[in-house]
Amino acid sequence: MKKTGELYAIYVNSHFMNKGAGSALQDNGLRYLREKGYKQATLWVLTSNTKTRKWCENKEWHSEGKTKTANMDGFQVHEMRYIIDLI
């Protein structure tokens, strides 16, 4: 039984922000996970990206308190994990 899937990333060019592009990407990704039988989804967000974190929270994602430090292109980034129920 599949339980938790992941949206790996939602990146939108700044010219298309606040025009529904991010919402469309999220909605299609979550629809796909539902069709595949997942009950929850996770999404890692940069801790410092308060705009995206607020967007996620407005879309019913909840921070579950898990964090990680990842290496990207030679520098460290700090991320926190968000989760959403798909049922």
N, C-alpha and C. Protein backbone atom coordinates (compact mmCIF):
# COMPACT_ATOMS: atom_id res chain seq x y z
N MET A 1 0.84 -1.19 0.00
CA MET A 1 0.00 0.00 0.00
C MET A 1 0.88 1.24 0.00
N LYS A 2 0.70 2.09 -0.95
CA LYS A 2 1.46 3.33 -1.03
C LYS A 2 0.86 4.33 -0.04
N LYS A 3 1.74 4.99 0.68
CA LYS A 3 1.23 5.94 1.65
C LYS A 3 1.63 7.38 1.34
N THR A 4 2.92 7.66 1.23
CA THR A 4 3.38 9.03 1.07
C THR A 4 4.20 9.20 -0.20
N GLY A 5 3.80 10.15 -1.03
CA GLY A 5 4.53 10.52 -2.23
C GLY A 5 5.20 11.87 -2.01
N GLU A 6 5.95 12.32 -2.98
CA GLU A 6 6.65 13.59 -2.83
C GLU A 6 6.55 14.43 -4.10
N LEU A 7 6.24 15.70 -3.91
CA LEU A 7 6.44 16.67 -4.97
C LEU A 7 7.88 17.12 -4.79
N TYR A 8 8.72 16.83 -5.74
CA TYR A 8 10.14 17.09 -5.58
C TYR A 8 10.43 18.59 -5.52
N ALA A 9 9.78 19.35 -6.35
CA ALA A 9 10.00 20.80 -6.35
C ALA A 9 8.91 21.47 -7.17
N ILE A 10 8.62 22.71 -6.82
CA ILE A 10 7.74 23.56 -7.60
C ILE A 10 8.50 24.86 -7.82
N TYR A 11 9.03 25.03 -9.01
CA TYR A 11 9.77 26.26 -9.33
C TYR A 11 9.03 27.00 -10.44
N VAL A 12 8.83 28.28 -10.22
CA VAL A 12 8.13 29.11 -11.19
C VAL A 12 8.98 30.34 -11.50
N ASN A 13 9.15 30.63 -12.77
CA ASN A 13 9.85 31.83 -13.19
C ASN A 13 9.15 33.04 -12.59
N SER A 14 9.91 34.00 -12.12
CA SER A 14 9.34 35.16 -11.44
C SER A 14 8.33 35.92 -12.31
N HIS A 15 8.45 35.85 -13.62
CA HIS A 15 7.50 36.53 -14.52
C HIS A 15 6.12 35.89 -14.48
N PHE A 16 6.05 34.65 -13.99
CA PHE A 16 4.77 33.94 -13.97
C PHE A 16 4.22 33.77 -12.56
N MET A 17 4.88 34.35 -11.56
CA MET A 17 4.39 34.26 -10.19
C MET A 17 3.11 35.07 -10.04
N ASN A 18 2.26 34.61 -9.16
CA ASN A 18 0.96 35.25 -8.88
C ASN A 18 0.02 35.22 -10.08
N LYS A 19 0.23 34.25 -10.97
CA LYS A 19 -0.65 34.09 -12.13
C LYS A 19 -1.23 32.68 -12.21
N GLY A 20 -1.01 31.89 -11.17
CA GLY A 20 -1.60 30.56 -11.11
C GLY A 20 -0.71 29.43 -11.59
N ALA A 21 0.51 29.74 -12.05
CA ALA A 21 1.38 28.68 -12.56
C ALA A 21 1.78 27.68 -11.47
N GLY A 22 2.16 28.20 -10.30
CA GLY A 22 2.54 27.32 -9.20
C GLY A 22 1.38 26.46 -8.73
N SER A 23 0.21 27.06 -8.65
CA SER A 23 -0.98 26.31 -8.24
C SER A 23 -1.30 25.20 -9.24
N ALA A 24 -1.16 25.52 -10.54
CA ALA A 24 -1.42 24.50 -11.57
C ALA A 24 -0.42 23.35 -11.46
N LEU A 25 0.86 23.67 -11.25
CA LEU A 25 1.86 22.62 -11.09
C LEU A 25 1.55 21.75 -9.88
N GLN A 26 1.24 22.41 -8.76
CA GLN A 26 0.91 21.67 -7.55
C GLN A 26 -0.32 20.79 -7.76
N ASP A 27 -1.38 21.36 -8.31
CA ASP A 27 -2.63 20.62 -8.49
C ASP A 27 -2.43 19.39 -9.37
N ASN A 28 -1.69 19.54 -10.45
CA ASN A 28 -1.43 18.40 -11.33
C ASN A 28 -0.58 17.34 -10.65
N GLY A 29 0.43 17.77 -9.90
CA GLY A 29 1.26 16.82 -9.17
C GLY A 29 0.49 16.06 -8.11
N LEU A 30 -0.35 16.77 -7.36
CA LEU A 30 -1.15 16.10 -6.33
C LEU A 30 -2.20 15.19 -6.94
N ARG A 31 -2.78 15.59 -8.07
CA ARG A 31 -3.75 14.73 -8.77
C ARG A 31 -3.08 13.42 -9.20
N TYR A 32 -1.87 13.53 -9.74
CA TYR A 32 -1.12 12.34 -10.17
C TYR A 32 -0.87 11.41 -8.97
N LEU A 33 -0.44 11.98 -7.85
CA LEU A 33 -0.17 11.15 -6.67
C LEU A 33 -1.45 10.47 -6.17
N ARG A 34 -2.57 11.20 -6.18
CA ARG A 34 -3.85 10.60 -5.77
C ARG A 34 -4.21 9.42 -6.69
N GLU A 35 -4.06 9.63 -8.01
CA GLU A 35 -4.37 8.57 -8.97
C GLU A 35 -3.50 7.34 -8.77
N LYS A 36 -2.29 7.53 -8.26
CA LYS A 36 -1.37 6.42 -8.00
C LYS A 36 -1.59 5.79 -6.63
N GLY A 37 -2.55 6.30 -5.87
CA GLY A 37 -2.92 5.68 -4.61
C GLY A 37 -2.22 6.23 -3.37
N TYR A 38 -1.52 7.34 -3.50
CA TYR A 38 -0.86 7.92 -2.33
C TYR A 38 -1.89 8.60 -1.43
N LYS A 39 -1.65 8.56 -0.14
CA LYS A 39 -2.56 9.14 0.84
C LYS A 39 -2.07 10.50 1.34
N GLN A 40 -0.76 10.75 1.23
CA GLN A 40 -0.14 12.00 1.66
C GLN A 40 0.93 12.38 0.65
N ALA A 41 1.33 13.65 0.70
CA ALA A 41 2.45 14.11 -0.12
C ALA A 41 3.34 14.99 0.74
N THR A 42 4.62 15.00 0.41
CA THR A 42 5.57 15.88 1.09
C THR A 42 6.21 16.81 0.06
N LEU A 43 6.73 17.91 0.57
CA LEU A 43 7.42 18.90 -0.24
C LEU A 43 8.44 19.59 0.65
N TRP A 44 9.72 19.59 0.23
CA TRP A 44 10.78 20.28 0.96
C TRP A 44 10.87 21.70 0.46
N VAL A 45 10.96 22.67 1.39
CA VAL A 45 11.01 24.09 1.06
C VAL A 45 12.19 24.71 1.80
N LEU A 46 12.90 25.60 1.11
CA LEU A 46 14.00 26.30 1.77
C LEU A 46 13.48 27.03 3.00
N THR A 47 14.15 26.83 4.12
CA THR A 47 13.73 27.46 5.37
C THR A 47 13.69 28.97 5.22
N SER A 48 14.61 29.53 4.48
CA SER A 48 14.69 30.99 4.32
C SER A 48 13.67 31.56 3.35
N ASN A 49 12.95 30.71 2.63
CA ASN A 49 12.00 31.18 1.62
C ASN A 49 10.62 31.38 2.24
N THR A 50 10.49 32.49 2.95
CA THR A 50 9.24 32.73 3.68
C THR A 50 8.04 32.92 2.75
N LYS A 51 8.26 33.47 1.56
CA LYS A 51 7.16 33.66 0.61
C LYS A 51 6.58 32.31 0.18
N THR A 52 7.44 31.37 -0.16
CA THR A 52 6.98 30.04 -0.57
C THR A 52 6.38 29.28 0.60
N ARG A 53 6.97 29.42 1.77
CA ARG A 53 6.41 28.75 2.95
C ARG A 53 4.99 29.25 3.22
N LYS A 54 4.77 30.55 3.10
CA LYS A 54 3.41 31.10 3.30
C LYS A 54 2.47 30.58 2.23
N TRP A 55 2.95 30.53 0.98
CA TRP A 55 2.13 30.00 -0.12
C TRP A 55 1.69 28.57 0.19
N CYS A 56 2.64 27.74 0.63
CA CYS A 56 2.34 26.34 0.97
C CYS A 56 1.28 26.27 2.07
N GLU A 57 1.47 27.06 3.10
CA GLU A 57 0.53 27.04 4.22
C GLU A 57 -0.86 27.50 3.78
N ASN A 58 -0.93 28.44 2.84
CA ASN A 58 -2.22 28.86 2.30
C ASN A 58 -2.87 27.79 1.43
N LYS A 59 -2.06 26.84 0.94
CA LYS A 59 -2.55 25.73 0.12
C LYS A 59 -2.81 24.48 0.96
N GLU A 60 -2.85 24.63 2.29
CA GLU A 60 -3.16 23.56 3.23
C GLU A 60 -2.01 22.60 3.49
N TRP A 61 -0.78 22.95 3.09
CA TRP A 61 0.39 22.18 3.50
C TRP A 61 0.70 22.55 4.95
N HIS A 62 1.24 21.58 5.71
CA HIS A 62 1.58 21.82 7.10
C HIS A 62 3.03 21.41 7.33
N SER A 63 3.78 22.27 8.01
CA SER A 63 5.14 21.90 8.38
C SER A 63 5.06 20.80 9.41
N GLU A 64 5.84 19.75 9.20
CA GLU A 64 5.80 18.67 10.18
C GLU A 64 7.01 18.71 11.12
N GLY A 65 7.81 19.77 11.00
CA GLY A 65 8.92 19.97 11.93
C GLY A 65 10.22 19.30 11.54
N LYS A 66 10.24 18.55 10.45
CA LYS A 66 11.48 17.91 10.01
C LYS A 66 12.28 18.88 9.14
N THR A 67 13.57 18.91 9.37
CA THR A 67 14.46 19.76 8.59
C THR A 67 15.64 18.94 8.10
N LYS A 68 16.33 19.49 7.10
CA LYS A 68 17.55 18.85 6.60
C LYS A 68 18.45 19.91 5.99
N THR A 69 19.70 19.57 5.92
CA THR A 69 20.69 20.40 5.24
C THR A 69 21.18 19.60 4.04
N ALA A 70 21.10 20.21 2.86
CA ALA A 70 21.50 19.53 1.64
C ALA A 70 22.61 20.33 0.96
N ASN A 71 23.45 19.64 0.22
CA ASN A 71 24.48 20.29 -0.56
C ASN A 71 24.00 20.46 -1.99
N MET A 72 24.01 21.71 -2.47
CA MET A 72 23.58 22.00 -3.83
C MET A 72 24.63 22.90 -4.48
N ASP A 73 25.21 22.40 -5.53
CA ASP A 73 26.18 23.19 -6.29
C ASP A 73 27.28 23.78 -5.41
N GLY A 74 27.74 23.02 -4.45
CA GLY A 74 28.86 23.44 -3.63
C GLY A 74 28.51 24.29 -2.41
N PHE A 75 27.24 24.47 -2.12
CA PHE A 75 26.88 25.19 -0.90
C PHE A 75 25.74 24.48 -0.21
N GLN A 76 25.56 24.78 1.06
CA GLN A 76 24.52 24.12 1.85
C GLN A 76 23.23 24.92 1.84
N VAL A 77 22.13 24.19 1.75
CA VAL A 77 20.80 24.80 1.87
C VAL A 77 20.05 24.10 3.01
N HIS A 78 19.25 24.87 3.69
CA HIS A 78 18.47 24.35 4.81
C HIS A 78 17.01 24.29 4.37
N GLU A 79 16.41 23.13 4.56
CA GLU A 79 15.04 22.92 4.10
C GLU A 79 14.18 22.38 5.23
N MET A 80 12.90 22.64 5.13
CA MET A 80 11.93 22.06 6.05
C MET A 80 10.88 21.31 5.24
N ARG A 81 10.34 20.26 5.85
CA ARG A 81 9.40 19.41 5.13
C ARG A 81 7.96 19.78 5.45
N TYR A 82 7.19 19.92 4.39
CA TYR A 82 5.75 20.15 4.49
C TYR A 82 5.03 18.89 4.06
N ILE A 83 3.83 18.70 4.59
CA ILE A 83 3.03 17.52 4.27
C ILE A 83 1.58 17.96 4.04
N ILE A 84 0.90 17.21 3.16
CA ILE A 84 -0.51 17.48 2.90
C ILE A 84 -1.23 16.13 2.75
N ASP A 85 -2.45 16.06 3.26
CA ASP A 85 -3.27 14.87 3.09
C ASP A 85 -3.92 14.90 1.72
N LEU A 86 -3.97 13.75 1.07
CA LEU A 86 -4.54 13.64 -0.27
C LEU A 86 -5.92 12.99 -0.28
N ILE A 87 -6.40 12.59 0.86
CA ILE A 87 -7.70 11.93 0.91
C ILE A 87 -8.79 12.89 1.33
